[in-house]
Amino acid sequence: LFGTIVWILVACTRVPLPLLQGWVLFVAVTAWFLSIVFLCVFLFGYSNRIAVNWNQADFLFHGATFVFYFGAFLLQAATTSLHHFPREFNSTTQKILADHEYNISIAASIFAFATAVCYGCSTALALRRWRL
């Protein structure tokens, strides 16, 4: 849920720094899609048919997603922190983010951090389950 909100909030801005926010969008969309696939594997009972150590797979998936989401949070926060710096655009000087986009970017940073924390907690629980 939080990842979807990050995806929507970043997409609502005009993405002034495509290299930074492009990675944030890539992580948000990819993590959302893979989480849905992972959920469907368990909902439809494919986990019983496929011979995989699902506890280990759960730990690896959530651990990798936590690392990527924490990086996405840092990039989103970096984009937000550049709000007041001027930028040349069509022979005029403007701020990198308009005030409205700045508020949206703050919310995206907060939700990206919340998503990273959720994936981090899930990683810790998966490690505990895998090692028991």
C-alpha atoms as a PDB file:
ATOM      1  CA  LEU A   1       0.000   0.000   0.000  1.00  0.00           C
ATOM      2  CA  PHE A   2       2.730   2.513   0.945  1.00  0.00           C
ATOM      3  CA  GLY A   3       4.716   1.638  -2.173  1.00  0.00           C
ATOM      4  CA  THR A   4       1.691   2.397  -4.333  1.00  0.00           C
ATOM      5  CA  ILE A   5       1.376   5.787  -2.644  1.00  0.00           C
ATOM      6  CA  VAL A   6       5.060   6.495  -3.367  1.00  0.00           C
ATOM      7  CA  TRP A   7       4.486   5.540  -6.989  1.00  0.00           C
ATOM      8  CA  ILE A   8       1.474   7.873  -7.283  1.00  0.00           C
ATOM      9  CA  LEU A   9       3.118  10.808  -5.483  1.00  0.00           C
ATOM     10  CA  VAL A  10       6.297  10.745  -7.551  1.00  0.00           C
ATOM     11  CA  ALA A  11       4.265  10.398 -10.745  1.00  0.00           C
ATOM     12  CA  CYS A  12       2.241  13.502  -9.747  1.00  0.00           C
ATOM     13  CA  THR A  13       5.287  15.748  -9.977  1.00  0.00           C
ATOM     14  CA  ARG A  14       6.902  16.831 -13.224  1.00  0.00           C
ATOM     15  CA  VAL A  15       9.995  14.756 -12.285  1.00  0.00           C
ATOM     16  CA  PRO A  16      12.614  17.520 -12.436  1.00  0.00           C
ATOM     17  CA  LEU A  17      15.533  15.138 -11.882  1.00  0.00           C
ATOM     18  CA  PRO A  18      14.741  12.108 -14.048  1.00  0.00           C
ATOM     19  CA  LEU A  19      17.844  10.173 -13.061  1.00  0.00           C
ATOM     20  CA  LEU A  20      16.984  10.285  -9.352  1.00  0.00           C
ATOM     21  CA  GLN A  21      13.234  10.035  -9.468  1.00  0.00           C
ATOM     22  CA  GLY A  22      13.285   7.587 -12.360  1.00  0.00           C
ATOM     23  CA  TRP A  23      15.051   5.126 -10.080  1.00  0.00           C
ATOM     24  CA  VAL A  24      12.485   5.795  -7.328  1.00  0.00           C
ATOM     25  CA  LEU A  25       9.661   5.020  -9.755  1.00  0.00           C
ATOM     26  CA  PHE A  26      11.440   1.926 -11.049  1.00  0.00           C
ATOM     27  CA  VAL A  27      11.890   0.573  -7.510  1.00  0.00           C
ATOM     28  CA  ALA A  28       8.303   1.393  -6.521  1.00  0.00           C
ATOM     29  CA  VAL A  29       6.737  -0.221  -9.599  1.00  0.00           C
ATOM     30  CA  THR A  30       9.029  -3.266  -9.614  1.00  0.00           C
ATOM     31  CA  ALA A  31       8.616  -3.913  -5.878  1.00  0.00           C
ATOM     32  CA  TRP A  32       4.844  -3.556  -6.189  1.00  0.00           C
ATOM     33  CA  PHE A  33       4.674  -5.972  -9.113  1.00  0.00           C
ATOM     34  CA  LEU A  34       6.976  -8.577  -7.537  1.00  0.00           C
ATOM     35  CA  SER A  35       5.130  -8.335  -4.208  1.00  0.00           C
ATOM     36  CA  ILE A  36       1.847  -9.053  -5.996  1.00  0.00           C
ATOM     37  CA  VAL A  37       3.445 -12.034  -7.774  1.00  0.00           C
ATOM     38  CA  PHE A  38       4.867 -13.297  -4.469  1.00  0.00           C
ATOM     39  CA  LEU A  39       1.438 -12.932  -2.837  1.00  0.00           C
ATOM     40  CA  CYS A  40      -0.293 -14.786  -5.688  1.00  0.00           C
ATOM     41  CA  VAL A  41       2.179 -17.679  -5.400  1.00  0.00           C
ATOM     42  CA  PHE A  42       0.996 -18.223  -1.842  1.00  0.00           C
ATOM     43  CA  LEU A  43      -2.681 -17.416  -2.404  1.00  0.00           C
ATOM     44  CA  PHE A  44      -3.106 -19.863  -5.272  1.00  0.00           C
ATOM     45  CA  GLY A  45      -1.073 -22.631  -3.630  1.00  0.00           C
ATOM     46  CA  TYR A  46       1.857 -22.654  -6.047  1.00  0.00           C
ATOM     47  CA  SER A  47       4.197 -22.715  -3.068  1.00  0.00           C
ATOM     48  CA  ASN A  48       3.131 -26.322  -2.448  1.00  0.00           C
ATOM     49  CA  ARG A  49       3.827 -27.331  -6.064  1.00  0.00           C
ATOM     50  CA  ILE A  50       7.200 -25.644  -6.531  1.00  0.00           C
ATOM     51  CA  ALA A  51      10.091 -27.222  -4.639  1.00  0.00           C
ATOM     52  CA  VAL A  52      11.811 -24.111  -3.276  1.00  0.00           C
ATOM     53  CA  ASN A  53      12.875 -23.156   0.225  1.00  0.00           C
ATOM     54  CA  TRP A  54      10.193 -20.478   0.574  1.00  0.00           C
ATOM     55  CA  ASN A  55      11.512 -19.172   3.888  1.00  0.00           C
ATOM     56  CA  GLN A  56      14.875 -18.461   2.270  1.00  0.00           C
ATOM     57  CA  ALA A  57      13.213 -16.975  -0.824  1.00  0.00           C
ATOM     58  CA  ASP A  58      11.053 -14.775   1.408  1.00  0.00           C
ATOM     59  CA  PHE A  59      14.136 -13.515   3.261  1.00  0.00           C
ATOM     60  CA  LEU A  60      16.097 -12.839   0.065  1.00  0.00           C
ATOM     61  CA  PHE A  61      13.205 -11.072  -1.661  1.00  0.00           C
ATOM     62  CA  HIS A  62      12.327  -8.819   1.255  1.00  0.00           C
ATOM     63  CA  GLY A  63      15.993  -8.148   2.070  1.00  0.00           C
ATOM     64  CA  ALA A  64      16.786  -7.059  -1.483  1.00  0.00           C
ATOM     65  CA  THR A  65      13.610  -4.986  -1.671  1.00  0.00           C
ATOM     66  CA  PHE A  66      14.493  -3.295   1.627  1.00  0.00           C
ATOM     67  CA  VAL A  67      17.930  -2.314   0.294  1.00  0.00           C
ATOM     68  CA  PHE A  68      16.482  -0.955  -2.944  1.00  0.00           C
ATOM     69  CA  TYR A  69      13.646   0.910  -1.194  1.00  0.00           C
ATOM     70  CA  PHE A  70      16.028   2.465   1.325  1.00  0.00           C
ATOM     71  CA  GLY A  71      18.145   3.690  -1.587  1.00  0.00           C
ATOM     72  CA  ALA A  72      15.016   5.015  -3.290  1.00  0.00           C
ATOM     73  CA  PHE A  73      14.100   6.852  -0.086  1.00  0.00           C
ATOM     74  CA  LEU A  74      17.544   8.477  -0.002  1.00  0.00           C
ATOM     75  CA  LEU A  75      17.254   9.572  -3.637  1.00  0.00           C
ATOM     76  CA  GLN A  76      13.749  10.950  -3.093  1.00  0.00           C
ATOM     77  CA  ALA A  77      14.907  12.827   0.003  1.00  0.00           C
ATOM     78  CA  ALA A  78      17.867  14.208  -1.975  1.00  0.00           C
ATOM     79  CA  THR A  79      15.509  15.440  -4.687  1.00  0.00           C
ATOM     80  CA  THR A  80      13.332  17.072  -2.041  1.00  0.00           C
ATOM     81  CA  SER A  81      16.308  18.784  -0.422  1.00  0.00           C
ATOM     82  CA  LEU A  82      17.203  20.498  -3.718  1.00  0.00           C
ATOM     83  CA  HIS A  83      13.936  22.460  -3.649  1.00  0.00           C
ATOM     84  CA  HIS A  84      15.438  25.925  -3.182  1.00  0.00           C
ATOM     85  CA  PHE A  85      18.266  25.651  -5.705  1.00  0.00           C
ATOM     86  CA  PRO A  86      17.669  27.629  -8.909  1.00  0.00           C
ATOM     87  CA  ARG A  87      17.689  25.983 -12.317  1.00  0.00           C
ATOM     88  CA  GLU A  88      17.898  27.467 -15.792  1.00  0.00           C
ATOM     89  CA  PHE A  89      14.832  26.480 -17.787  1.00  0.00           C
ATOM     90  CA  ASN A  90      13.922  28.115 -21.126  1.00  0.00           C
ATOM     91  CA  SER A  91      16.073  31.193 -20.410  1.00  0.00           C
ATOM     92  CA  THR A  92      14.369  31.735 -17.045  1.00  0.00           C
ATOM     93  CA  THR A  93      15.508  30.831 -13.578  1.00  0.00           C
ATOM     94  CA  GLN A  94      13.094  28.719 -11.531  1.00  0.00           C
ATOM     95  CA  LYS A  95      13.248  26.531  -8.500  1.00  0.00           C
ATOM     96  CA  ILE A  96      13.770  22.834  -9.163  1.00  0.00           C
ATOM     97  CA  LEU A  97      10.452  22.018  -7.493  1.00  0.00           C
ATOM     98  CA  ALA A  98       7.444  24.306  -7.311  1.00  0.00           C
ATOM     99  CA  ASP A  99       5.964  24.741  -3.830  1.00  0.00           C
ATOM    100  CA  HIS A 100       3.135  22.298  -4.539  1.00  0.00           C
ATOM    101  CA  GLU A 101       5.557  19.719  -5.936  1.00  0.00           C
ATOM    102  CA  TYR A 102       7.816  20.257  -2.926  1.00  0.00           C
ATOM    103  CA  ASN A 103       4.966  19.228  -0.607  1.00  0.00           C
ATOM    104  CA  ILE A 104       4.227  16.178  -2.741  1.00  0.00           C
ATOM    105  CA  SER A 105       7.924  15.276  -2.720  1.00  0.00           C
ATOM    106  CA  ILE A 106       8.025  15.489   1.079  1.00  0.00           C
ATOM    107  CA  ALA A 107       5.067  13.108   1.292  1.00  0.00           C
ATOM    108  CA  ALA A 108       6.749  10.750  -1.206  1.00  0.00           C
ATOM    109  CA  SER A 109       9.908  10.759   0.924  1.00  0.00           C
ATOM    110  CA  ILE A 110       7.951   9.953   4.068  1.00  0.00           C
ATOM    111  CA  PHE A 111       6.052   7.109   2.414  1.00  0.00           C
ATOM    112  CA  ALA A 112       9.243   5.754   0.816  1.00  0.00           C
ATOM    113  CA  PHE A 113      10.814   5.634   4.277  1.00  0.00           C
ATOM    114  CA  ALA A 114       7.701   3.954   5.719  1.00  0.00           C
ATOM    115  CA  THR A 115       7.800   1.381   2.923  1.00  0.00           C
ATOM    116  CA  ALA A 116      11.490   0.711   3.551  1.00  0.00           C
ATOM    117  CA  VAL A 117      10.757   0.213   7.268  1.00  0.00           C
ATOM    118  CA  CYS A 118       7.942  -2.229   6.446  1.00  0.00           C
ATOM    119  CA  TYR A 119      10.201  -4.242   4.152  1.00  0.00           C
ATOM    120  CA  GLY A 120      12.945  -4.113   6.805  1.00  0.00           C
ATOM    121  CA  CYS A 121      10.602  -5.519   9.463  1.00  0.00           C
ATOM    122  CA  SER A 122       9.450  -8.190   7.040  1.00  0.00           C
ATOM    123  CA  THR A 123      13.094  -9.066   6.361  1.00  0.00           C
ATOM    124  CA  ALA A 124      13.788  -9.441  10.079  1.00  0.00           C
ATOM    125  CA  LEU A 125      10.736 -11.654  10.547  1.00  0.00           C
ATOM    126  CA  ALA A 126      11.644 -13.733   7.484  1.00  0.00           C
ATOM    127  CA  LEU A 127      15.178 -14.235   8.826  1.00  0.00           C
ATOM    128  CA  ARG A 128      13.777 -15.345  12.167  1.00  0.00           C
ATOM    129  CA  ARG A 129      11.366 -17.762  10.469  1.00  0.00           C
ATOM    130  CA  TRP A 130      14.074 -19.106   8.149  1.00  0.00           C
ATOM    131  CA  ARG A 131      16.557 -19.755  10.961  1.00  0.00           C
ATOM    132  CA  LEU A 132      14.055 -21.503  13.279  1.00  0.00           C
END
